Amino acid sequence: MRGQSKAEAEAEAGRMALHTAQEIAKIRAQAEMEIVAAGKAARMELKRYSAHLAVALAEQQVRARMNAAAEDALVSGFVHEVANPAARALR
């Protein structure tokens, strides 16, 4: 009977060790997936933030250069393109 109990205990210990190893593997895989997802999210947020900064800088530069003469030139160019569709096709 002692031998059988010892064998059952060893078998149970083996099953527990296997189960523990499987759980560790699952946790590790889940952690790796979460790290990858967090990295992707961080890269996307960084791209979004960079784009926002680039647009803000471009807006500042345009506003700094904008004056009455520049506005007139933009409007004249727009009117010329609308009035002359062939000029638009050349671009």
C-alpha atoms as a PDB file:
ATOM      1  CA  MET A   1       0.000   0.000   0.000  1.00  0.00           C
ATOM      2  CA  ARG A   2       2.851   2.383   0.790  1.00  0.00           C
ATOM      3  CA  GLY A   3       4.352   1.719  -2.600  1.00  0.00           C
ATOM      4  CA  GLN A   4       1.087   2.471  -4.318  1.00  0.00           C
ATOM      5  CA  SER A   5       0.653   5.685  -2.309  1.00  0.00           C
ATOM      6  CA  LYS A   6       4.190   6.721  -3.147  1.00  0.00           C
ATOM      7  CA  ALA A   7       3.600   6.033  -6.856  1.00  0.00           C
ATOM      8  CA  GLU A   8       0.342   8.001  -6.778  1.00  0.00           C
ATOM      9  CA  ALA A   9       2.057  10.900  -5.009  1.00  0.00           C
ATOM     10  CA  GLU A  10       4.866  10.887  -7.572  1.00  0.00           C
ATOM     11  CA  ALA A  11       2.355  10.766 -10.413  1.00  0.00           C
ATOM     12  CA  GLU A  12       0.408  13.649  -8.868  1.00  0.00           C
ATOM     13  CA  ALA A  13       3.638  15.625  -8.432  1.00  0.00           C
ATOM     14  CA  GLY A  14       4.445  14.987 -12.091  1.00  0.00           C
ATOM     15  CA  ARG A  15       0.988  16.138 -13.194  1.00  0.00           C
ATOM     16  CA  MET A  16       1.300  19.244 -11.041  1.00  0.00           C
ATOM     17  CA  ALA A  17       4.741  20.011 -12.456  1.00  0.00           C
ATOM     18  CA  LEU A  18       3.428  19.590 -16.010  1.00  0.00           C
ATOM     19  CA  HIS A  19       0.384  21.750 -15.266  1.00  0.00           C
ATOM     20  CA  THR A  20       2.602  24.413 -13.683  1.00  0.00           C
ATOM     21  CA  ALA A  21       4.919  24.405 -16.697  1.00  0.00           C
ATOM     22  CA  GLN A  22       1.935  24.774 -19.033  1.00  0.00           C
ATOM     23  CA  GLU A  23       0.523  27.651 -16.993  1.00  0.00           C
ATOM     24  CA  ILE A  24       3.917  29.373 -16.959  1.00  0.00           C
ATOM     25  CA  ALA A  25       4.108  29.014 -20.751  1.00  0.00           C
ATOM     26  CA  LYS A  26       0.605  30.484 -21.141  1.00  0.00           C
ATOM     27  CA  ILE A  27       1.422  33.414 -18.856  1.00  0.00           C
ATOM     28  CA  ARG A  28       4.690  34.052 -20.685  1.00  0.00           C
ATOM     29  CA  ALA A  29       2.961  33.963 -24.091  1.00  0.00           C
ATOM     30  CA  GLN A  30       0.231  36.300 -22.852  1.00  0.00           C
ATOM     31  CA  ALA A  31       2.823  38.708 -21.433  1.00  0.00           C
ATOM     32  CA  GLU A  32       4.735  38.705 -24.726  1.00  0.00           C
ATOM     33  CA  MET A  33       1.535  39.453 -26.644  1.00  0.00           C
ATOM     34  CA  GLU A  34       0.707  42.293 -24.267  1.00  0.00           C
ATOM     35  CA  ILE A  35       4.212  43.734 -24.653  1.00  0.00           C
ATOM     36  CA  VAL A  36       3.912  43.627 -28.452  1.00  0.00           C
ATOM     37  CA  ALA A  37       0.463  45.241 -28.308  1.00  0.00           C
ATOM     38  CA  ALA A  38       1.702  47.950 -25.939  1.00  0.00           C
ATOM     39  CA  GLY A  39       4.646  48.617 -28.268  1.00  0.00           C
ATOM     40  CA  LYS A  40       2.329  48.973 -31.261  1.00  0.00           C
ATOM     41  CA  ALA A  41       0.025  51.289 -29.333  1.00  0.00           C
ATOM     42  CA  ALA A  42       2.967  53.410 -28.202  1.00  0.00           C
ATOM     43  CA  ARG A  43       4.303  53.669 -31.766  1.00  0.00           C
ATOM     44  CA  MET A  44       0.863  54.685 -33.063  1.00  0.00           C
ATOM     45  CA  GLU A  45       0.504  57.303 -30.331  1.00  0.00           C
ATOM     46  CA  LEU A  46       3.983  58.629 -31.103  1.00  0.00           C
ATOM     47  CA  LYS A  47       3.132  58.900 -34.810  1.00  0.00           C
ATOM     48  CA  ARG A  48      -0.121  60.676 -33.959  1.00  0.00           C
ATOM     49  CA  TYR A  49       1.678  63.083 -31.647  1.00  0.00           C
ATOM     50  CA  SER A  50       4.432  63.711 -34.217  1.00  0.00           C
ATOM     51  CA  ALA A  51       1.849  64.446 -36.904  1.00  0.00           C
ATOM     52  CA  HIS A  52       0.055  66.843 -34.564  1.00  0.00           C
ATOM     53  CA  LEU A  53       3.316  68.673 -33.833  1.00  0.00           C
ATOM     54  CA  ALA A  54       4.187  68.840 -37.549  1.00  0.00           C
ATOM     55  CA  VAL A  55       0.788  70.310 -38.414  1.00  0.00           C
ATOM     56  CA  ALA A  56       1.034  72.829 -35.560  1.00  0.00           C
ATOM     57  CA  LEU A  57       4.505  73.892 -36.704  1.00  0.00           C
ATOM     58  CA  ALA A  58       3.355  74.206 -40.319  1.00  0.00           C
ATOM     59  CA  GLU A  59       0.400  76.305 -39.185  1.00  0.00           C
ATOM     60  CA  GLN A  60       2.706  78.597 -37.221  1.00  0.00           C
ATOM     61  CA  GLN A  61       4.985  78.991 -40.220  1.00  0.00           C
ATOM     62  CA  VAL A  62       2.101  79.750 -42.584  1.00  0.00           C
ATOM     63  CA  ARG A  63       0.598  82.270 -40.160  1.00  0.00           C
ATOM     64  CA  ALA A  64       4.002  83.937 -39.713  1.00  0.00           C
ATOM     65  CA  ARG A  65       4.411  84.362 -43.475  1.00  0.00           C
ATOM     66  CA  MET A  66       0.819  85.317 -44.222  1.00  0.00           C
ATOM     67  CA  ASN A  67       0.229  88.940 -45.098  1.00  0.00           C
ATOM     68  CA  ALA A  68      -2.078  90.816 -47.436  1.00  0.00           C
ATOM     69  CA  ALA A  69       0.179  90.246 -50.457  1.00  0.00           C
ATOM     70  CA  ALA A  70       0.424  86.518 -49.773  1.00  0.00           C
ATOM     71  CA  GLU A  71      -3.343  86.237 -49.330  1.00  0.00           C
ATOM     72  CA  ASP A  72      -3.905  88.096 -52.613  1.00  0.00           C
ATOM     73  CA  ALA A  73      -1.475  85.787 -54.406  1.00  0.00           C
ATOM     74  CA  LEU A  74      -3.225  82.672 -53.027  1.00  0.00           C
ATOM     75  CA  VAL A  75      -6.667  83.935 -54.012  1.00  0.00           C
ATOM     76  CA  SER A  76      -5.469  84.985 -57.478  1.00  0.00           C
ATOM     77  CA  GLY A  77      -3.842  81.604 -58.038  1.00  0.00           C
ATOM     78  CA  PHE A  78      -7.004  79.793 -56.945  1.00  0.00           C
ATOM     79  CA  VAL A  79      -9.205  81.924 -59.189  1.00  0.00           C
ATOM     80  CA  HIS A  80      -6.835  81.386 -62.110  1.00  0.00           C
ATOM     81  CA  GLU A  81      -6.944  77.593 -61.654  1.00  0.00           C
ATOM     82  CA  VAL A  82     -10.740  77.544 -61.354  1.00  0.00           C
ATOM     83  CA  ALA A  83     -11.140  79.777 -64.404  1.00  0.00           C
ATOM     84  CA  ASN A  84      -8.619  77.804 -66.483  1.00  0.00           C
ATOM     85  CA  PRO A  85      -9.117  74.043 -66.065  1.00  0.00           C
ATOM     86  CA  ALA A  86      -6.356  73.388 -68.620  1.00  0.00           C
ATOM     87  CA  ALA A  87      -3.843  75.047 -66.274  1.00  0.00           C
ATOM     88  CA  ARG A  88      -4.901  72.630 -63.546  1.00  0.00           C
ATOM     89  CA  ALA A  89      -4.427  69.614 -65.838  1.00  0.00           C
ATOM     90  CA  LEU A  90      -0.796  70.595 -66.445  1.00  0.00           C
ATOM     91  CA  ARG A  91       0.050  70.115 -62.779  1.00  0.00           C
END
